[in-house]
N, C-alpha and C. Protein backbone atom coordinates (compact mmCIF):
# COMPACT_ATOMS: atom_id res chain seq x y z
N MET A 1 69.43 88.17 79.88
CA MET A 1 70.57 88.41 80.75
C MET A 1 70.15 89.29 81.92
N ARG A 2 70.64 88.96 83.10
CA ARG A 2 70.32 89.72 84.31
C ARG A 2 71.48 90.67 84.62
N ILE A 3 71.16 91.96 84.73
CA ILE A 3 72.19 92.99 84.86
C ILE A 3 72.04 93.73 86.19
N ALA A 4 73.18 93.96 86.85
CA ALA A 4 73.23 94.86 88.01
C ALA A 4 73.82 96.18 87.55
N LEU A 5 73.17 97.27 87.89
CA LEU A 5 73.66 98.61 87.55
C LEU A 5 74.29 99.22 88.80
N ILE A 6 75.60 99.41 88.77
CA ILE A 6 76.30 100.06 89.87
C ILE A 6 76.52 101.51 89.46
N GLY A 7 75.68 102.37 89.96
CA GLY A 7 75.63 103.75 89.50
C GLY A 7 74.36 103.94 88.70
N TYR A 8 73.50 104.85 89.16
CA TYR A 8 72.21 105.02 88.51
C TYR A 8 71.92 106.50 88.26
N GLY A 9 72.93 107.16 87.68
CA GLY A 9 72.74 108.53 87.24
C GLY A 9 72.16 108.54 85.83
N LYS A 10 72.44 109.60 85.10
CA LYS A 10 71.90 109.71 83.74
C LYS A 10 72.37 108.57 82.86
N MET A 11 73.65 108.19 83.01
CA MET A 11 74.17 107.09 82.19
C MET A 11 73.52 105.77 82.59
N GLY A 12 73.42 105.50 83.88
CA GLY A 12 72.81 104.26 84.33
C GLY A 12 71.37 104.13 83.88
N GLN A 13 70.65 105.23 83.91
CA GLN A 13 69.25 105.21 83.50
C GLN A 13 69.12 104.95 82.00
N MET A 14 70.03 105.51 81.21
CA MET A 14 69.99 105.26 79.78
C MET A 14 70.37 103.82 79.46
N ILE A 15 71.35 103.29 80.19
CA ILE A 15 71.73 101.89 80.02
C ILE A 15 70.53 100.99 80.33
N GLU A 16 69.84 101.31 81.40
CA GLU A 16 68.65 100.53 81.77
C GLU A 16 67.63 100.53 80.63
N SER A 17 67.35 101.69 80.07
CA SER A 17 66.36 101.80 79.00
C SER A 17 66.75 100.95 77.79
N ILE A 18 68.02 101.01 77.41
CA ILE A 18 68.49 100.25 76.25
C ILE A 18 68.51 98.76 76.54
N ALA A 19 68.96 98.39 77.74
CA ALA A 19 69.04 96.97 78.10
C ALA A 19 67.65 96.33 78.15
N VAL A 20 66.70 97.02 78.77
CA VAL A 20 65.34 96.49 78.88
C VAL A 20 64.71 96.36 77.50
N ALA A 21 64.97 97.34 76.63
CA ALA A 21 64.43 97.29 75.26
C ALA A 21 64.97 96.09 74.49
N LYS A 22 66.16 95.63 74.88
CA LYS A 22 66.78 94.47 74.22
C LYS A 22 66.40 93.16 74.89
N GLY A 23 65.53 93.23 75.90
CA GLY A 23 65.03 92.02 76.54
C GLY A 23 65.79 91.59 77.78
N HIS A 24 66.71 92.42 78.27
CA HIS A 24 67.46 92.08 79.47
C HIS A 24 66.70 92.53 80.71
N GLU A 25 67.08 91.98 81.86
CA GLU A 25 66.43 92.30 83.12
C GLU A 25 67.41 93.01 84.05
N ILE A 26 66.97 94.12 84.63
CA ILE A 26 67.78 94.82 85.62
C ILE A 26 67.38 94.29 87.00
N VAL A 27 68.30 93.60 87.66
CA VAL A 27 67.98 92.95 88.94
C VAL A 27 68.49 93.74 90.14
N LEU A 28 69.32 94.75 89.91
CA LEU A 28 69.86 95.55 91.00
C LEU A 28 70.25 96.92 90.47
N LYS A 29 69.87 97.97 91.21
CA LYS A 29 70.25 99.33 90.85
C LYS A 29 70.82 100.00 92.09
N ILE A 30 72.12 100.28 92.06
CA ILE A 30 72.79 100.90 93.20
C ILE A 30 73.06 102.37 92.90
N HIS A 31 72.63 103.23 93.82
CA HIS A 31 72.89 104.66 93.68
C HIS A 31 73.30 105.21 95.04
N ILE A 32 73.52 106.49 95.10
CA ILE A 32 74.10 107.10 96.31
C ILE A 32 73.22 106.92 97.55
N ASP A 33 71.92 106.71 97.36
CA ASP A 33 71.00 106.62 98.50
C ASP A 33 70.69 105.20 98.95
N ASN A 34 71.24 104.18 98.27
CA ASN A 34 70.94 102.81 98.70
C ASN A 34 72.19 101.92 98.68
N THR A 35 73.33 102.48 99.03
CA THR A 35 74.57 101.72 98.98
C THR A 35 74.54 100.49 99.88
N GLU A 36 73.67 100.49 100.89
CA GLU A 36 73.55 99.33 101.77
C GLU A 36 73.01 98.10 101.03
N ASP A 37 72.41 98.32 99.86
CA ASP A 37 71.90 97.20 99.07
C ASP A 37 72.98 96.54 98.20
N PHE A 38 74.17 97.14 98.19
CA PHE A 38 75.28 96.58 97.40
C PHE A 38 75.93 95.46 98.22
N THR A 39 75.28 94.30 98.21
CA THR A 39 75.72 93.14 98.99
C THR A 39 76.04 91.97 98.07
N ARG A 40 76.77 91.00 98.60
CA ARG A 40 77.09 89.79 97.83
C ARG A 40 75.81 89.09 97.37
N GLU A 41 74.85 89.00 98.29
CA GLU A 41 73.60 88.30 97.97
C GLU A 41 72.86 88.99 96.82
N ASN A 42 72.72 90.30 96.90
CA ASN A 42 71.99 91.02 95.85
C ASN A 42 72.73 90.99 94.53
N LEU A 43 74.06 91.18 94.58
CA LEU A 43 74.83 91.17 93.35
C LEU A 43 74.82 89.79 92.70
N GLY A 44 74.75 88.77 93.52
CA GLY A 44 74.75 87.40 93.01
C GLY A 44 73.56 87.05 92.14
N LYS A 45 72.54 87.91 92.13
CA LYS A 45 71.37 87.68 91.28
C LYS A 45 71.66 88.05 89.82
N ALA A 46 72.79 88.72 89.58
CA ALA A 46 73.10 89.22 88.24
C ALA A 46 74.08 88.32 87.50
N ASP A 47 73.96 88.30 86.18
CA ASP A 47 74.94 87.61 85.33
C ASP A 47 76.15 88.50 85.07
N VAL A 48 75.93 89.81 85.11
CA VAL A 48 77.00 90.77 84.84
C VAL A 48 76.61 92.11 85.47
N ALA A 49 77.63 92.86 85.89
CA ALA A 49 77.39 94.20 86.43
C ALA A 49 77.94 95.24 85.47
N ILE A 50 77.27 96.39 85.43
CA ILE A 50 77.76 97.54 84.66
C ILE A 50 77.96 98.68 85.65
N GLU A 51 79.20 99.16 85.74
CA GLU A 51 79.58 100.15 86.74
C GLU A 51 79.91 101.50 86.09
N PHE A 52 79.12 102.52 86.42
CA PHE A 52 79.38 103.89 86.00
C PHE A 52 79.20 104.77 87.22
N THR A 53 80.28 105.04 87.94
CA THR A 53 80.15 105.86 89.14
C THR A 53 81.10 107.05 89.06
N SER A 54 82.08 107.12 89.96
CA SER A 54 83.00 108.26 89.99
C SER A 54 84.43 107.76 90.13
N PRO A 55 85.42 108.62 89.86
CA PRO A 55 86.82 108.20 90.02
C PRO A 55 87.15 107.75 91.44
N HIS A 56 86.40 108.28 92.41
CA HIS A 56 86.72 108.01 93.82
C HIS A 56 86.15 106.68 94.30
N SER A 57 85.09 106.19 93.68
CA SER A 57 84.45 104.96 94.16
C SER A 57 84.59 103.79 93.20
N ALA A 58 85.08 104.04 91.99
CA ALA A 58 85.09 102.99 90.96
C ALA A 58 85.87 101.75 91.38
N PHE A 59 87.08 101.94 91.90
CA PHE A 59 87.92 100.79 92.24
C PHE A 59 87.25 99.92 93.30
N ALA A 60 86.69 100.55 94.33
CA ALA A 60 86.02 99.79 95.39
C ALA A 60 84.83 99.02 94.83
N ASN A 61 84.07 99.65 93.94
CA ASN A 61 82.91 98.99 93.35
C ASN A 61 83.31 97.81 92.48
N VAL A 62 84.31 98.03 91.63
CA VAL A 62 84.79 96.96 90.76
C VAL A 62 85.37 95.81 91.59
N SER A 63 86.10 96.15 92.63
CA SER A 63 86.71 95.13 93.48
C SER A 63 85.66 94.23 94.13
N LYS A 64 84.56 94.82 94.57
CA LYS A 64 83.48 94.02 95.16
C LYS A 64 82.92 93.04 94.14
N CYS A 65 82.69 93.51 92.93
CA CYS A 65 82.15 92.63 91.89
C CYS A 65 83.10 91.46 91.63
N LEU A 66 84.38 91.76 91.50
CA LEU A 66 85.36 90.71 91.22
C LEU A 66 85.50 89.76 92.40
N GLU A 67 85.52 90.31 93.61
CA GLU A 67 85.64 89.49 94.82
C GLU A 67 84.45 88.54 94.94
N TRP A 68 83.28 89.02 94.54
CA TRP A 68 82.06 88.23 94.67
C TRP A 68 81.73 87.42 93.43
N GLY A 69 82.63 87.42 92.46
CA GLY A 69 82.51 86.51 91.32
C GLY A 69 81.55 86.92 90.23
N VAL A 70 81.26 88.21 90.11
CA VAL A 70 80.33 88.68 89.08
C VAL A 70 81.11 89.50 88.04
N PRO A 71 81.09 89.09 86.77
CA PRO A 71 81.78 89.85 85.73
C PRO A 71 81.31 91.31 85.73
N VAL A 72 82.26 92.23 85.50
CA VAL A 72 81.89 93.64 85.60
C VAL A 72 82.45 94.44 84.43
N VAL A 73 81.58 95.25 83.85
CA VAL A 73 81.93 96.22 82.82
C VAL A 73 82.00 97.58 83.51
N SER A 74 83.14 98.25 83.40
CA SER A 74 83.31 99.54 84.07
C SER A 74 83.57 100.64 83.05
N GLY A 75 82.79 101.72 83.18
CA GLY A 75 82.99 102.87 82.31
C GLY A 75 83.44 104.10 83.08
N SER A 76 83.69 103.95 84.38
CA SER A 76 84.19 105.08 85.17
C SER A 76 85.60 105.42 84.73
N THR A 77 85.92 106.70 84.67
CA THR A 77 87.26 107.14 84.29
C THR A 77 87.89 107.90 85.44
N GLY A 78 89.18 108.19 85.29
CA GLY A 78 89.88 108.96 86.30
C GLY A 78 90.50 108.12 87.41
N TRP A 79 90.52 106.79 87.25
CA TRP A 79 91.15 105.93 88.27
C TRP A 79 92.18 105.00 87.63
N ASN A 80 92.89 105.51 86.63
CA ASN A 80 93.85 104.71 85.87
C ASN A 80 94.95 104.10 86.73
N ALA A 81 95.33 104.79 87.79
CA ALA A 81 96.43 104.28 88.63
C ALA A 81 96.07 102.95 89.28
N GLN A 82 94.78 102.70 89.47
CA GLN A 82 94.35 101.47 90.14
C GLN A 82 93.90 100.39 89.16
N LEU A 83 93.84 100.74 87.88
CA LEU A 83 93.39 99.76 86.88
C LEU A 83 94.26 98.50 86.85
N PRO A 84 95.59 98.61 86.90
CA PRO A 84 96.40 97.39 86.88
C PRO A 84 96.05 96.43 88.01
N GLU A 85 95.76 96.97 89.19
CA GLU A 85 95.40 96.11 90.32
C GLU A 85 94.06 95.41 90.07
N ALA A 86 93.11 96.15 89.48
CA ALA A 86 91.82 95.54 89.17
C ALA A 86 91.97 94.43 88.13
N LYS A 87 92.82 94.65 87.15
CA LYS A 87 93.05 93.64 86.12
C LYS A 87 93.73 92.40 86.71
N GLN A 88 94.69 92.62 87.61
CA GLN A 88 95.34 91.49 88.27
C GLN A 88 94.34 90.69 89.09
N MET A 89 93.44 91.37 89.76
CA MET A 89 92.42 90.70 90.56
C MET A 89 91.51 89.86 89.68
N ALA A 90 91.11 90.43 88.53
CA ALA A 90 90.24 89.71 87.62
C ALA A 90 90.89 88.42 87.12
N GLU A 91 92.16 88.52 86.75
CA GLU A 91 92.89 87.34 86.27
C GLU A 91 93.07 86.32 87.39
N ALA A 92 93.42 86.80 88.58
CA ALA A 92 93.67 85.89 89.69
C ALA A 92 92.41 85.14 90.12
N LYS A 93 91.29 85.81 90.06
CA LYS A 93 90.04 85.20 90.51
C LYS A 93 89.25 84.56 89.37
N GLY A 94 89.71 84.75 88.15
CA GLY A 94 89.01 84.15 87.02
C GLY A 94 87.63 84.73 86.78
N VAL A 95 87.52 86.04 86.97
CA VAL A 95 86.24 86.74 86.80
C VAL A 95 86.38 87.75 85.66
N GLY A 96 85.38 87.86 84.84
CA GLY A 96 85.43 88.75 83.69
C GLY A 96 85.47 90.22 84.08
N PHE A 97 86.34 90.98 83.40
CA PHE A 97 86.45 92.42 83.65
C PHE A 97 86.74 93.13 82.35
N LEU A 98 85.98 94.18 82.09
CA LEU A 98 86.19 94.98 80.88
C LEU A 98 86.05 96.44 81.27
N HIS A 99 87.13 97.17 81.13
CA HIS A 99 87.09 98.62 81.37
C HIS A 99 87.36 99.34 80.07
N ALA A 100 86.63 100.41 79.81
CA ALA A 100 86.88 101.24 78.64
C ALA A 100 86.67 102.69 79.02
N SER A 101 87.49 103.55 78.46
CA SER A 101 87.31 104.99 78.70
C SER A 101 86.11 105.51 77.92
N ASN A 102 85.69 104.75 76.91
CA ASN A 102 84.54 105.14 76.12
C ASN A 102 83.99 103.90 75.41
N PHE A 103 82.69 103.65 75.54
CA PHE A 103 82.07 102.45 74.96
C PHE A 103 81.42 102.71 73.61
N SER A 104 81.38 103.95 73.18
CA SER A 104 80.75 104.27 71.90
C SER A 104 81.44 103.55 70.75
N VAL A 105 80.64 102.95 69.87
CA VAL A 105 81.20 102.29 68.69
C VAL A 105 81.99 103.30 67.86
N GLY A 106 81.42 104.49 67.69
CA GLY A 106 82.08 105.52 66.90
C GLY A 106 83.42 105.93 67.49
N VAL A 107 83.47 106.08 68.81
CA VAL A 107 84.73 106.47 69.45
C VAL A 107 85.76 105.36 69.31
N ASN A 108 85.34 104.12 69.41
CA ASN A 108 86.30 103.03 69.28
C ASN A 108 86.83 102.90 67.85
N VAL A 109 86.02 103.24 66.86
CA VAL A 109 86.53 103.36 65.49
C VAL A 109 87.52 104.52 65.43
N PHE A 110 87.17 105.63 66.09
CA PHE A 110 88.05 106.81 66.16
C PHE A 110 89.40 106.44 66.78
N PHE A 111 89.38 105.61 67.82
CA PHE A 111 90.63 105.14 68.43
C PHE A 111 91.52 104.44 67.40
N GLU A 112 90.92 103.58 66.58
CA GLU A 112 91.69 102.85 65.57
C GLU A 112 92.27 103.81 64.53
N VAL A 113 91.48 104.80 64.12
CA VAL A 113 91.96 105.82 63.17
C VAL A 113 93.11 106.61 63.79
N ASN A 114 92.96 106.95 65.08
CA ASN A 114 94.00 107.71 65.78
C ASN A 114 95.32 106.95 65.81
N LYS A 115 95.26 105.67 66.11
CA LYS A 115 96.49 104.86 66.14
C LYS A 115 97.15 104.80 64.77
N GLN A 116 96.34 104.60 63.75
CA GLN A 116 96.90 104.51 62.40
C GLN A 116 97.49 105.84 61.94
N LEU A 117 96.81 106.94 62.26
CA LEU A 117 97.33 108.26 61.89
C LEU A 117 98.65 108.52 62.60
N ALA A 118 98.74 108.15 63.88
CA ALA A 118 99.99 108.35 64.62
C ALA A 118 101.13 107.54 64.01
N ARG A 119 100.84 106.33 63.56
CA ARG A 119 101.88 105.53 62.90
C ARG A 119 102.36 106.21 61.62
N LEU A 120 101.42 106.77 60.86
CA LEU A 120 101.77 107.43 59.60
C LEU A 120 102.57 108.70 59.83
N MET A 121 102.31 109.38 60.96
CA MET A 121 102.97 110.66 61.23
C MET A 121 104.28 110.51 61.99
N ALA A 122 104.59 109.29 62.41
CA ALA A 122 105.77 109.08 63.26
C ALA A 122 107.06 109.58 62.62
N ALA A 123 107.19 109.43 61.32
CA ALA A 123 108.44 109.82 60.64
C ALA A 123 108.47 111.29 60.25
N HIS A 124 107.37 112.01 60.47
CA HIS A 124 107.28 113.39 60.00
C HIS A 124 107.36 114.35 61.19
N GLU A 125 108.59 114.64 61.60
CA GLU A 125 108.82 115.40 62.82
C GLU A 125 108.52 116.89 62.67
N ASP A 126 108.24 117.34 61.45
CA ASP A 126 107.89 118.75 61.27
C ASP A 126 106.43 119.02 61.65
N TYR A 127 105.69 117.99 61.98
CA TYR A 127 104.31 118.16 62.43
C TYR A 127 104.24 118.10 63.95
N GLU A 128 103.63 119.10 64.55
CA GLU A 128 103.38 119.11 66.00
C GLU A 128 101.97 118.59 66.26
N VAL A 129 101.82 117.73 67.25
CA VAL A 129 100.51 117.14 67.53
C VAL A 129 99.98 117.68 68.86
N THR A 130 98.70 117.99 68.88
CA THR A 130 98.01 118.41 70.10
C THR A 130 96.64 117.74 70.15
N LEU A 131 96.14 117.59 71.37
CA LEU A 131 94.81 117.05 71.59
C LEU A 131 93.95 118.09 72.30
N ARG A 132 92.67 118.10 71.97
CA ARG A 132 91.73 118.98 72.66
C ARG A 132 90.44 118.23 72.90
N GLU A 133 89.86 118.43 74.07
CA GLU A 133 88.57 117.78 74.37
C GLU A 133 87.64 118.78 75.02
N VAL A 134 86.36 118.71 74.65
CA VAL A 134 85.34 119.61 75.16
C VAL A 134 84.20 118.78 75.74
N HIS A 135 83.89 119.00 77.02
CA HIS A 135 82.80 118.29 77.68
C HIS A 135 81.93 119.27 78.47
N HIS A 136 80.80 118.76 78.96
CA HIS A 136 79.91 119.53 79.81
C HIS A 136 80.57 119.80 81.16
N THR A 137 80.07 120.77 81.88
CA THR A 137 80.70 121.20 83.12
C THR A 137 80.54 120.19 84.26
N ALA A 138 79.65 119.21 84.10
CA ALA A 138 79.50 118.19 85.14
C ALA A 138 80.52 117.06 85.01
N LYS A 139 81.30 117.10 83.94
CA LYS A 139 82.35 116.09 83.76
C LYS A 139 83.36 116.20 84.89
N LEU A 140 83.56 115.10 85.64
CA LEU A 140 84.33 115.16 86.87
C LEU A 140 85.84 115.14 86.66
N ASP A 141 86.29 114.49 85.58
CA ASP A 141 87.74 114.36 85.39
C ASP A 141 88.19 115.18 84.19
N ALA A 142 89.39 115.73 84.30
CA ALA A 142 90.00 116.48 83.20
C ALA A 142 91.50 116.19 83.21
N PRO A 143 92.06 115.72 82.11
CA PRO A 143 91.37 115.44 80.85
C PRO A 143 90.44 114.23 80.96
N SER A 144 89.57 114.09 80.00
CA SER A 144 88.64 112.97 79.99
C SER A 144 89.39 111.66 79.79
N GLY A 145 88.76 110.57 80.18
CA GLY A 145 89.36 109.26 79.96
C GLY A 145 89.59 108.98 78.49
N THR A 146 88.68 109.45 77.65
CA THR A 146 88.83 109.27 76.21
C THR A 146 90.06 110.01 75.70
N ALA A 147 90.25 111.24 76.19
CA ALA A 147 91.42 112.02 75.77
C ALA A 147 92.71 111.35 76.22
N VAL A 148 92.72 110.79 77.42
CA VAL A 148 93.90 110.09 77.92
C VAL A 148 94.21 108.88 77.04
N THR A 149 93.16 108.13 76.67
CA THR A 149 93.36 106.98 75.77
C THR A 149 93.96 107.43 74.45
N LEU A 150 93.42 108.50 73.87
CA LEU A 150 93.96 109.03 72.61
C LEU A 150 95.42 109.44 72.77
N ALA A 151 95.73 110.10 73.88
CA ALA A 151 97.10 110.54 74.12
C ALA A 151 98.05 109.36 74.26
N GLU A 152 97.63 108.33 74.99
CA GLU A 152 98.49 107.17 75.17
C GLU A 152 98.72 106.43 73.86
N GLN A 153 97.71 106.44 72.98
CA GLN A 153 97.87 105.83 71.66
C GLN A 153 98.89 106.60 70.83
N VAL A 154 98.85 107.93 70.92
CA VAL A 154 99.83 108.75 70.20
C VAL A 154 101.23 108.49 70.75
N LEU A 155 101.37 108.48 72.07
CA LEU A 155 102.68 108.26 72.70
C LEU A 155 103.26 106.90 72.31
N ALA A 156 102.41 105.92 72.13
CA ALA A 156 102.88 104.58 71.78
C ALA A 156 103.45 104.52 70.37
N ASN A 157 103.12 105.51 69.54
CA ASN A 157 103.54 105.48 68.14
C ASN A 157 104.46 106.62 67.74
N LEU A 158 104.51 107.71 68.51
CA LEU A 158 105.40 108.83 68.23
C LEU A 158 106.51 108.87 69.29
N THR A 159 107.65 108.35 68.97
CA THR A 159 108.73 108.26 69.96
C THR A 159 109.24 109.63 70.38
N ARG A 160 108.98 110.67 69.58
CA ARG A 160 109.44 112.01 69.96
C ARG A 160 108.61 112.60 71.10
N LYS A 161 107.48 112.00 71.40
CA LYS A 161 106.66 112.44 72.52
C LYS A 161 106.81 111.44 73.67
N LYS A 162 107.10 111.94 74.87
CA LYS A 162 107.40 111.07 76.00
C LYS A 162 106.30 111.03 77.05
N GLU A 163 105.51 112.10 77.14
CA GLU A 163 104.46 112.16 78.15
C GLU A 163 103.38 113.14 77.72
N TRP A 164 102.17 112.94 78.25
CA TRP A 164 101.12 113.92 78.00
C TRP A 164 100.98 114.82 79.22
N VAL A 165 100.55 116.04 78.97
CA VAL A 165 100.31 116.99 80.06
C VAL A 165 98.94 117.61 79.86
N ASN A 166 98.29 117.92 80.97
CA ASN A 166 96.98 118.57 80.91
C ASN A 166 97.20 120.08 80.85
N GLY A 167 97.13 120.63 79.66
CA GLY A 167 97.39 122.05 79.44
C GLY A 167 98.46 122.21 78.38
N GLU A 168 98.93 123.42 78.23
CA GLU A 168 99.94 123.71 77.21
C GLU A 168 101.25 122.97 77.51
N ALA A 169 101.90 122.46 76.47
CA ALA A 169 103.19 121.78 76.62
C ALA A 169 104.29 122.80 76.87
N ASN A 170 105.22 122.44 77.75
CA ASN A 170 106.36 123.30 78.06
C ASN A 170 107.66 122.78 77.48
N ALA A 171 107.61 121.61 76.86
CA ALA A 171 108.80 121.00 76.28
C ALA A 171 108.40 120.22 75.03
N ALA A 172 109.34 120.06 74.11
CA ALA A 172 109.04 119.43 72.83
C ALA A 172 108.57 117.99 72.98
N GLU A 173 109.04 117.32 74.05
CA GLU A 173 108.67 115.91 74.20
C GLU A 173 107.31 115.72 74.88
N GLN A 174 106.66 116.83 75.25
CA GLN A 174 105.35 116.75 75.89
C GLN A 174 104.22 116.83 74.86
N LEU A 175 103.16 116.08 75.11
CA LEU A 175 101.96 116.10 74.30
C LEU A 175 100.87 116.84 75.06
N ALA A 176 100.40 117.95 74.53
CA ALA A 176 99.41 118.77 75.21
C ALA A 176 98.01 118.22 75.03
N ILE A 177 97.26 118.17 76.15
CA ILE A 177 95.82 117.90 76.10
C ILE A 177 95.13 119.14 76.65
N ILE A 178 94.37 119.82 75.82
CA ILE A 178 93.64 121.01 76.23
C ILE A 178 92.22 120.58 76.59
N SER A 179 91.83 120.79 77.84
CA SER A 179 90.50 120.40 78.32
C SER A 179 89.62 121.63 78.48
N GLU A 180 88.43 121.59 77.87
CA GLU A 180 87.47 122.68 78.00
C GLU A 180 86.16 122.13 78.57
N ARG A 181 85.51 122.90 79.43
CA ARG A 181 84.24 122.49 80.03
C ARG A 181 83.20 123.57 79.77
N VAL A 182 82.23 123.24 78.90
CA VAL A 182 81.16 124.17 78.55
C VAL A 182 79.85 123.39 78.44
N ASP A 183 78.74 124.08 78.60
CA ASP A 183 77.42 123.44 78.47
C ASP A 183 76.66 124.01 77.29
N PRO A 184 75.87 123.19 76.62
CA PRO A 184 75.84 121.73 76.71
C PRO A 184 76.89 121.14 75.76
N ALA A 185 77.52 120.06 76.18
CA ALA A 185 78.55 119.44 75.34
C ALA A 185 78.75 117.99 75.77
N PRO A 186 78.08 117.04 75.13
CA PRO A 186 78.25 115.62 75.49
C PRO A 186 79.69 115.14 75.33
N GLY A 187 80.43 115.72 74.39
CA GLY A 187 81.83 115.34 74.24
C GLY A 187 82.34 115.43 72.83
N THR A 188 83.41 116.23 72.63
CA THR A 188 84.08 116.31 71.33
C THR A 188 85.58 116.18 71.57
N HIS A 189 86.23 115.38 70.71
CA HIS A 189 87.67 115.16 70.84
C HIS A 189 88.35 115.47 69.51
N TYR A 190 89.45 116.19 69.61
CA TYR A 190 90.22 116.61 68.44
C TYR A 190 91.65 116.11 68.57
N VAL A 191 92.20 115.57 67.49
CA VAL A 191 93.63 115.26 67.41
C VAL A 191 94.15 115.98 66.18
N LYS A 192 95.12 116.88 66.38
CA LYS A 192 95.55 117.75 65.28
C LYS A 192 97.07 117.71 65.11
N TYR A 193 97.49 117.49 63.88
CA TYR A 193 98.90 117.56 63.50
C TYR A 193 99.09 118.82 62.65
N SER A 194 99.98 119.70 63.08
CA SER A 194 100.16 121.00 62.41
C SER A 194 101.60 121.19 61.96
N SER A 195 101.74 121.74 60.77
CA SER A 195 103.06 122.10 60.26
C SER A 195 102.95 123.46 59.58
N ASP A 196 104.08 123.99 59.09
CA ASP A 196 104.05 125.25 58.36
C ASP A 196 103.31 125.12 57.04
N ILE A 197 103.20 123.90 56.55
CA ILE A 197 102.60 123.66 55.23
C ILE A 197 101.10 123.41 55.32
N ASP A 198 100.69 122.57 56.30
CA ASP A 198 99.28 122.22 56.39
C ASP A 198 98.95 121.62 57.76
N ASP A 199 97.67 121.36 57.96
CA ASP A 199 97.17 120.71 59.18
C ASP A 199 96.42 119.45 58.80
N ILE A 200 96.51 118.46 59.66
CA ILE A 200 95.71 117.24 59.54
C ILE A 200 94.97 117.08 60.86
N GLU A 201 93.66 116.94 60.81
CA GLU A 201 92.89 116.87 62.06
C GLU A 201 91.79 115.82 61.95
N ILE A 202 91.66 115.02 63.01
CA ILE A 202 90.52 114.09 63.11
C ILE A 202 89.68 114.51 64.30
N ILE A 203 88.37 114.38 64.16
CA ILE A 203 87.43 114.88 65.18
C ILE A 203 86.33 113.85 65.39
N HIS A 204 85.99 113.63 66.66
CA HIS A 204 84.79 112.86 66.97
C HIS A 204 83.89 113.71 67.85
N THR A 205 82.62 113.82 67.48
CA THR A 205 81.65 114.59 68.25
C THR A 205 80.48 113.70 68.63
N ALA A 206 80.22 113.59 69.92
CA ALA A 206 79.04 112.86 70.40
C ALA A 206 77.85 113.80 70.44
N HIS A 207 76.70 113.32 69.99
CA HIS A 207 75.49 114.14 70.03
C HIS A 207 74.72 113.95 71.33
N ASN A 208 74.91 112.82 71.96
CA ASN A 208 74.24 112.52 73.24
C ASN A 208 74.93 111.31 73.88
N ARG A 209 74.38 110.82 74.98
CA ARG A 209 74.98 109.71 75.72
C ARG A 209 74.59 108.34 75.17
N LYS A 210 73.69 108.30 74.20
CA LYS A 210 73.15 107.01 73.76
C LYS A 210 74.24 106.08 73.24
N GLY A 211 75.23 106.62 72.52
CA GLY A 211 76.29 105.77 71.98
C GLY A 211 77.09 105.11 73.08
N PHE A 212 77.36 105.85 74.16
CA PHE A 212 78.10 105.29 75.29
C PHE A 212 77.30 104.17 75.94
N ALA A 213 76.01 104.43 76.16
CA ALA A 213 75.15 103.46 76.84
C ALA A 213 74.95 102.20 75.99
N SER A 214 74.73 102.38 74.70
CA SER A 214 74.54 101.22 73.81
C SER A 214 75.79 100.34 73.80
N GLY A 215 76.96 100.98 73.76
CA GLY A 215 78.20 100.23 73.76
C GLY A 215 78.42 99.48 75.06
N ALA A 216 78.01 100.08 76.17
CA ALA A 216 78.14 99.41 77.47
C ALA A 216 77.30 98.15 77.53
N VAL A 217 76.10 98.21 76.97
CA VAL A 217 75.24 97.02 76.93
C VAL A 217 75.86 95.96 76.02
N LEU A 218 76.41 96.36 74.88
CA LEU A 218 77.11 95.42 74.01
C LEU A 218 78.25 94.73 74.77
N ALA A 219 78.99 95.53 75.54
CA ALA A 219 80.11 94.98 76.30
C ALA A 219 79.63 93.98 77.34
N ALA A 220 78.51 94.30 78.00
CA ALA A 220 77.96 93.39 79.01
C ALA A 220 77.50 92.09 78.36
N GLU A 221 76.88 92.18 77.20
CA GLU A 221 76.46 90.97 76.49
C GLU A 221 77.66 90.10 76.14
N PHE A 222 78.75 90.75 75.75
CA PHE A 222 79.98 90.04 75.40
C PHE A 222 80.62 89.39 76.63
N LEU A 223 80.64 90.11 77.75
CA LEU A 223 81.41 89.68 78.92
C LEU A 223 80.73 88.59 79.73
N ALA A 224 79.40 88.55 79.72
CA ALA A 224 78.68 87.57 80.54
C ALA A 224 79.20 86.15 80.27
N GLY A 225 79.62 85.48 81.33
CA GLY A 225 80.11 84.11 81.20
C GLY A 225 81.58 83.98 80.88
N LYS A 226 82.27 85.11 80.66
CA LYS A 226 83.70 85.07 80.32
C LYS A 226 84.56 85.32 81.56
N LYS A 227 85.82 84.92 81.46
CA LYS A 227 86.78 85.11 82.54
C LYS A 227 87.91 86.03 82.09
N GLY A 228 88.57 86.66 83.04
CA GLY A 228 89.75 87.46 82.73
C GLY A 228 89.43 88.82 82.14
N VAL A 229 90.48 89.47 81.65
CA VAL A 229 90.40 90.85 81.19
C VAL A 229 90.11 90.91 79.69
N HIS A 230 89.19 91.76 79.31
CA HIS A 230 88.81 91.91 77.90
C HIS A 230 88.74 93.39 77.54
N THR A 231 88.60 93.66 76.24
CA THR A 231 88.62 95.03 75.74
C THR A 231 87.47 95.27 74.76
N MET A 232 87.21 96.55 74.49
CA MET A 232 86.19 96.89 73.49
C MET A 232 86.64 96.48 72.09
N SER A 233 87.93 96.40 71.85
CA SER A 233 88.40 95.92 70.54
C SER A 233 87.91 94.50 70.28
N GLU A 234 87.88 93.67 71.34
CA GLU A 234 87.35 92.32 71.21
C GLU A 234 85.84 92.35 70.97
N VAL A 235 85.16 93.18 71.74
CA VAL A 235 83.70 93.28 71.59
C VAL A 235 83.32 93.63 70.15
N LEU A 236 84.06 94.55 69.55
CA LEU A 236 83.73 95.07 68.23
C LEU A 236 84.45 94.34 67.10
N GLY A 237 85.25 93.35 67.44
CA GLY A 237 85.91 92.55 66.41
C GLY A 237 87.07 93.23 65.72
N PHE A 238 87.72 94.18 66.42
CA PHE A 238 88.88 94.87 65.84
C PHE A 238 90.15 94.04 66.01
């Protein structure tokens, strides 16, 4: 499989290492110093693109891939407001698109556990739920995309919570996400239900970026040749 890497920071470099080890070819590497190489002709050499950039450039990068007919896997977070437009574009143009806040197999299992726990806790209003996430100081968005996904899963199952907020909750219907930035910290996420009687807590801790990068390559292998919008749940058979 021929892969274009849109974004060649630490994550892009790790994706390259894993992809090459699996026998794939990197045909294009776009980074901050060679954006002029991000052309239709160059991108057309790839079967699929993997995009890991920033909240400010992700939508433009994904849009180019979709406009030029190349399926794209995006792991950039912090641009949720524009995601519906990207998904509409993918469907309209018949080009594959897969966005995930986290590609780690472990995190996606954690997502499924989080949804099930929220369903079980929905009837138990004496438990207060909070989320906490800890990342390295270079993490650009707060809360993290993974934390937002966890929060939205809780909101979908706990009707007593209406919205998430970044910081302490000021009202009973708010779900607090506490964001901490310390080094070194690849990423830890906590979902905690507390009552006067006991606490129930689930935790996922990443040891490094390898899980994210491996999952992104899995997603690219899945997406190549497909049309429309897809999810990591499909990739992992959930």
